[in-house]
Amino acid sequence: MRSTISSRYDLDDAAIVATAHHEMRTEGVCVLPEFLTDAAVREMVSECDQLAPLAHRSAPRRNPYLTKAGDGSGTATAVLYDSLEVLAYDQFPTTSPLRRLYESDEMLQFVRRCLGVESLHRYADPFGALNVSIMREGDVLDWHFDMTDFVVSIALQSSTAGGEFENAPRIRDAGEVAIAALLNGDRRGVRVEPMTPGTLMLFSGRRSMHRVSPVGGVVPRYVALLAYDTKPGTDSTDELKLSRYGRLPAVDRR
């Protein structure tokens, strides 16, 4: 059955799911090009253009593990820099095509089957459950590991130049020496994942160090991040919310 969520893919196709699951198990990444229709991409990009003035800009200093810069020992003492803007989940109206995609049970179950997990839940984070990363000329997202086991992203718009997704698959398993070498410029084993507009990527971000190369030109890079977890009620820390979105949820004092 063809998807009802603006996808070119049949999300019930067992062969597609089996291939995605195999790639996740063997490579830690699965790339599904042209997942969204051209019309859906155009609609989502137009929405991001309209909402972009609401995005929070941040330029944190941190280590490769997304904790405080210089914390710990070994490669955790490395100081890296990011610069980007982020649109939060609550800034997308309920009529948003991107929000409808994220909130779709069809999408959730497709991701679950591709990951090969028994249960999957949307994040409880009111800001980070769904967000869009906006990167403009000079922005960069330096080498890091994610704090979650997997990431689901959809490329919406490529920048004029740069903005490539660079990935060192499962380098965390290779240990400190390999991680330090990469941070010092050793690019052996680094691959560039194809992230053309409309592409869906599932990615084992906790095990693989990755970055977005510096962005150039007048066209910004838009990538949507859809957050799921195998446990219900997963939320991010207040520290992460303040860094990424510049605010905390309002407290209901009634």
Protein backbone atom coordinates (compact mmCIF):
# COMPACT_ATOMS: atom_id res chain seq x y z
CA MET A 1 0.00 0.00 0.00
CA ARG A 2 1.38 3.39 -0.98
CA SER A 3 2.13 5.67 1.95
CA THR A 4 -0.35 8.37 2.94
CA ILE A 5 2.40 10.68 4.31
CA SER A 6 3.86 12.21 1.14
CA SER A 7 6.41 9.42 0.73
CA ARG A 8 7.39 7.75 -2.52
CA TYR A 9 7.93 4.52 -0.59
CA ASP A 10 5.50 1.77 0.27
CA LEU A 11 6.08 1.71 4.02
CA ASP A 12 4.55 -1.77 4.27
CA ASP A 13 7.04 -3.23 1.77
CA ALA A 14 8.85 -6.01 3.64
CA ALA A 15 11.83 -5.89 1.27
CA ILE A 16 12.45 -2.18 1.96
CA VAL A 17 12.24 -2.79 5.70
CA ALA A 18 14.52 -5.84 5.53
CA THR A 19 17.17 -3.94 3.56
CA ALA A 20 17.05 -0.98 5.95
CA HIS A 21 17.30 -3.25 8.98
CA HIS A 22 20.26 -5.11 7.47
CA GLU A 23 22.11 -1.85 6.74
CA MET A 24 21.49 -0.60 10.26
CA ARG A 25 22.85 -3.83 11.76
CA THR A 26 25.91 -4.07 9.51
CA GLU A 27 26.82 -0.42 8.87
CA GLY A 28 25.00 1.60 11.51
CA VAL A 29 23.39 3.80 8.87
CA CYS A 30 20.59 3.46 6.33
CA VAL A 31 19.96 6.08 3.63
CA LEU A 32 16.63 6.11 1.78
CA PRO A 33 16.89 8.63 -1.09
CA GLU A 34 13.81 10.41 -2.42
CA PHE A 35 11.78 9.27 0.58
CA LEU A 36 9.61 12.39 0.30
CA THR A 37 7.90 13.54 -2.87
CA ASP A 38 9.16 16.72 -4.52
CA ALA A 39 5.88 18.45 -3.63
CA ALA A 40 6.26 17.52 0.05
CA VAL A 41 9.84 18.81 0.10
CA ARG A 42 8.77 22.13 -1.45
CA GLU A 43 5.95 22.52 1.09
CA MET A 44 8.24 21.77 4.04
CA VAL A 45 10.98 24.10 2.79
CA SER A 46 8.44 26.89 2.37
CA GLU A 47 7.27 26.33 5.93
CA CYS A 48 10.86 26.43 7.23
CA ASP A 49 11.47 29.68 5.33
CA GLN A 50 8.45 31.21 7.07
CA LEU A 51 9.34 29.94 10.55
CA ALA A 52 13.10 30.58 10.33
CA PRO A 53 12.95 33.99 12.10
CA LEU A 54 11.76 32.12 15.22
CA ALA A 55 14.80 29.83 15.33
CA HIS A 56 17.24 30.01 18.22
CA ARG A 57 20.89 30.55 17.28
CA SER A 58 23.57 28.95 19.41
CA ALA A 59 27.33 28.50 19.23
CA PRO A 60 28.21 26.09 22.05
CA ARG A 61 31.67 24.94 23.05
CA ARG A 62 31.65 21.24 23.93
CA ASN A 63 33.59 18.00 23.64
CA PRO A 64 32.90 15.13 21.18
CA TYR A 65 30.46 13.56 23.64
CA LEU A 66 28.25 16.67 23.79
CA THR A 67 29.19 17.40 27.38
CA LYS A 68 31.03 20.38 28.84
CA ALA A 69 34.15 21.35 26.89
CA GLY A 70 37.29 20.02 28.54
CA ASP A 71 35.39 17.63 30.85
CA GLY A 72 36.86 14.23 31.67
CA SER A 73 40.05 12.80 30.24
CA GLY A 74 41.46 11.71 26.88
CA THR A 75 39.36 12.78 23.89
CA ALA A 76 36.72 14.20 26.25
CA THR A 77 39.07 17.13 26.86
CA ALA A 78 38.86 18.21 23.20
CA VAL A 79 37.15 21.57 22.72
CA LEU A 80 34.93 21.76 19.64
CA TYR A 81 32.57 24.42 18.33
CA ASP A 82 29.16 24.44 16.68
CA SER A 83 27.11 27.23 15.14
CA LEU A 84 23.55 26.78 13.92
CA GLU A 85 19.92 27.76 14.40
CA VAL A 86 17.16 25.39 15.53
CA LEU A 87 13.38 25.46 15.15
CA ALA A 88 11.62 23.62 17.99
CA TYR A 89 8.68 21.23 17.90
CA ASP A 90 6.25 23.68 19.52
CA GLN A 91 6.98 26.28 16.83
CA PHE A 92 5.40 24.12 14.13
CA PRO A 93 1.61 24.49 13.92
CA THR A 94 -0.58 21.40 14.15
CA THR A 95 -1.31 21.81 10.42
CA SER A 96 2.41 21.60 9.57
CA PRO A 97 3.19 18.89 6.98
CA LEU A 98 6.41 18.08 8.80
CA ARG A 99 4.62 17.79 12.13
CA ARG A 100 1.93 15.57 10.58
CA LEU A 101 4.68 13.30 9.25
CA TYR A 102 6.33 13.02 12.66
CA GLU A 103 3.06 12.42 14.48
CA SER A 104 1.94 9.77 12.01
CA ASP A 105 1.69 6.25 13.43
CA GLU A 106 2.52 5.00 9.95
CA MET A 107 5.89 6.75 10.11
CA LEU A 108 6.57 5.60 13.66
CA GLN A 109 5.89 1.95 12.81
CA PHE A 110 8.02 2.13 9.66
CA VAL A 111 10.98 3.45 11.65
CA ARG A 112 10.40 0.83 14.33
CA ARG A 113 10.50 -2.01 11.80
CA CYS A 114 13.61 -0.63 10.10
CA LEU A 115 15.37 -0.47 13.47
CA GLY A 116 14.15 -3.94 14.39
CA VAL A 117 12.89 -2.96 17.84
CA GLU A 118 9.79 -4.27 19.59
CA SER A 119 8.44 -0.87 20.62
CA LEU A 120 9.09 2.73 19.69
CA HIS A 121 7.79 5.98 21.18
CA ARG A 122 7.93 9.64 20.22
CA TYR A 123 10.04 11.84 22.48
CA ALA A 124 8.32 13.64 25.35
CA ASP A 125 10.57 16.68 24.83
CA PRO A 126 8.23 19.57 23.91
CA PHE A 127 11.03 21.24 21.95
CA GLY A 128 13.23 18.44 20.66
CA ALA A 129 10.73 15.74 19.69
CA LEU A 130 10.79 17.31 16.24
CA ASN A 131 13.22 20.05 15.29
CA VAL A 132 14.81 21.55 12.21
CA SER A 133 18.48 22.46 12.05
CA ILE A 134 19.17 25.60 10.02
CA MET A 135 22.76 26.22 8.97
CA ARG A 136 23.84 29.34 7.13
CA GLU A 137 27.10 30.54 5.60
CA GLY A 138 29.96 29.94 8.03
CA ASP A 139 27.99 27.55 10.25
CA VAL A 140 29.43 24.16 11.20
CA LEU A 141 28.50 21.17 13.34
CA ASP A 142 31.81 19.67 14.42
CA TRP A 143 32.69 16.06 15.21
CA HIS A 144 30.51 14.44 17.88
CA PHE A 145 28.70 11.35 19.11
CA ASP A 146 24.99 11.58 19.83
CA MET A 147 23.52 10.89 23.26
CA THR A 148 20.83 8.64 21.77
CA ASP A 149 21.26 5.22 20.15
CA PHE A 150 19.80 6.32 16.84
CA VAL A 151 18.79 9.43 14.92
CA VAL A 152 16.12 9.83 12.24
CA SER A 153 16.70 12.76 9.89
CA ILE A 154 15.19 14.08 6.68
CA ALA A 155 17.17 16.36 4.38
CA LEU A 156 14.96 19.21 3.16
CA GLN A 157 17.32 21.73 1.55
CA SER A 158 21.01 21.62 0.65
CA SER A 159 23.21 24.67 1.19
CA THR A 160 24.83 26.41 -1.75
CA ALA A 161 28.17 24.88 -0.76
CA GLY A 162 29.48 22.58 1.96
CA GLY A 163 27.09 21.17 4.53
CA GLU A 164 28.09 17.57 3.83
CA PHE A 165 27.27 14.89 6.38
CA GLU A 166 30.57 13.19 7.23
CA ASN A 167 30.52 9.93 9.16
CA ALA A 168 33.12 7.69 10.80
CA PRO A 169 31.02 4.51 11.23
CA ARG A 170 31.21 2.87 14.66
CA ILE A 171 34.54 4.48 15.47
CA ARG A 172 33.59 4.54 19.14
CA ASP A 173 34.13 0.77 19.21
CA ALA A 174 37.69 1.29 17.93
CA GLY A 175 38.64 3.24 21.06
CA GLU A 176 40.42 6.40 22.11
CA VAL A 177 43.37 6.14 19.74
CA ALA A 178 41.16 6.03 16.65
CA ILE A 179 38.90 8.83 17.93
CA ALA A 180 41.89 11.04 18.72
CA ALA A 181 43.36 10.40 15.28
CA LEU A 182 40.15 11.52 13.60
CA LEU A 183 40.01 14.67 15.71
CA ASN A 184 43.58 15.36 14.59
CA GLY A 185 42.69 15.10 10.91
CA ASP A 186 43.04 11.39 10.05
CA ARG A 187 40.13 10.84 7.65
CA ARG A 188 40.71 7.16 6.93
CA GLY A 189 37.34 5.42 7.06
CA VAL A 190 35.33 8.66 6.89
CA ARG A 191 32.46 8.51 4.44
CA VAL A 192 30.13 11.21 3.14
CA GLU A 193 26.50 10.13 3.36
CA PRO A 194 24.30 11.30 0.45
CA MET A 195 21.77 13.73 1.92
CA THR A 196 19.98 15.26 -1.06
CA PRO A 197 16.59 16.90 -0.38
CA GLY A 198 13.91 14.35 0.42
CA THR A 199 16.35 11.76 1.78
CA LEU A 200 15.50 9.88 4.98
CA MET A 201 18.45 8.65 7.04
CA LEU A 202 18.47 6.33 10.05
CA PHE A 203 21.75 6.53 11.91
CA SER A 204 23.44 4.95 14.95
CA GLY A 205 24.74 8.23 16.29
CA ARG A 206 25.98 7.00 19.67
CA ARG A 207 28.60 4.69 18.11
CA SER A 208 29.61 6.72 15.03
CA MET A 209 31.34 10.09 15.19
CA HIS A 210 29.99 12.51 12.63
CA ARG A 211 29.89 16.14 11.63
CA VAL A 212 28.44 18.62 9.12
CA SER A 213 31.16 20.35 7.11
CA PRO A 214 31.19 24.18 7.04
CA VAL A 215 28.30 25.71 5.13
CA GLY A 216 28.76 28.30 2.40
CA GLY A 217 26.57 30.45 0.18
CA VAL A 218 23.25 32.22 0.46
CA VAL A 219 21.00 29.13 0.53
CA PRO A 220 20.68 27.70 4.07
CA ARG A 221 20.82 23.99 4.87
CA TYR A 222 17.60 22.57 6.36
CA VAL A 223 17.50 19.14 8.01
CA ALA A 224 14.59 17.82 10.10
CA LEU A 225 15.33 15.60 13.10
CA LEU A 226 12.60 13.22 14.29
CA ALA A 227 13.18 11.94 17.82
CA TYR A 228 12.06 8.50 18.97
CA ASP A 229 13.08 6.16 21.77
CA THR A 230 12.42 2.57 22.76
CA LYS A 231 11.20 3.84 26.17
CA PRO A 232 8.14 6.07 26.66
CA GLY A 233 8.50 9.51 28.24
CA THR A 234 12.08 10.22 27.11
CA ASP A 235 13.01 13.87 27.53
CA SER A 236 16.17 15.93 27.19
CA THR A 237 17.91 17.74 30.03
CA ASP A 238 17.24 21.37 30.95
CA GLU A 239 20.88 22.09 30.09
CA LEU A 240 20.39 20.79 26.55
CA LYS A 241 17.10 22.67 26.14
CA LEU A 242 18.72 25.96 27.16
CA SER A 243 21.69 25.41 24.86
CA ARG A 244 19.73 24.31 21.80
CA TYR A 245 16.44 26.24 22.14
CA GLY A 246 17.31 29.07 24.50
CA ARG A 247 14.41 28.40 26.89
CA LEU A 248 12.70 25.94 29.19
CA PRO A 249 9.04 24.81 29.12
CA ALA A 250 6.65 27.16 30.90
CA VAL A 251 5.69 26.02 34.38
CA ASP A 252 1.97 25.56 34.92
CA ARG A 253 1.32 27.32 38.29
CA ARG A 254 -2.43 26.76 38.36
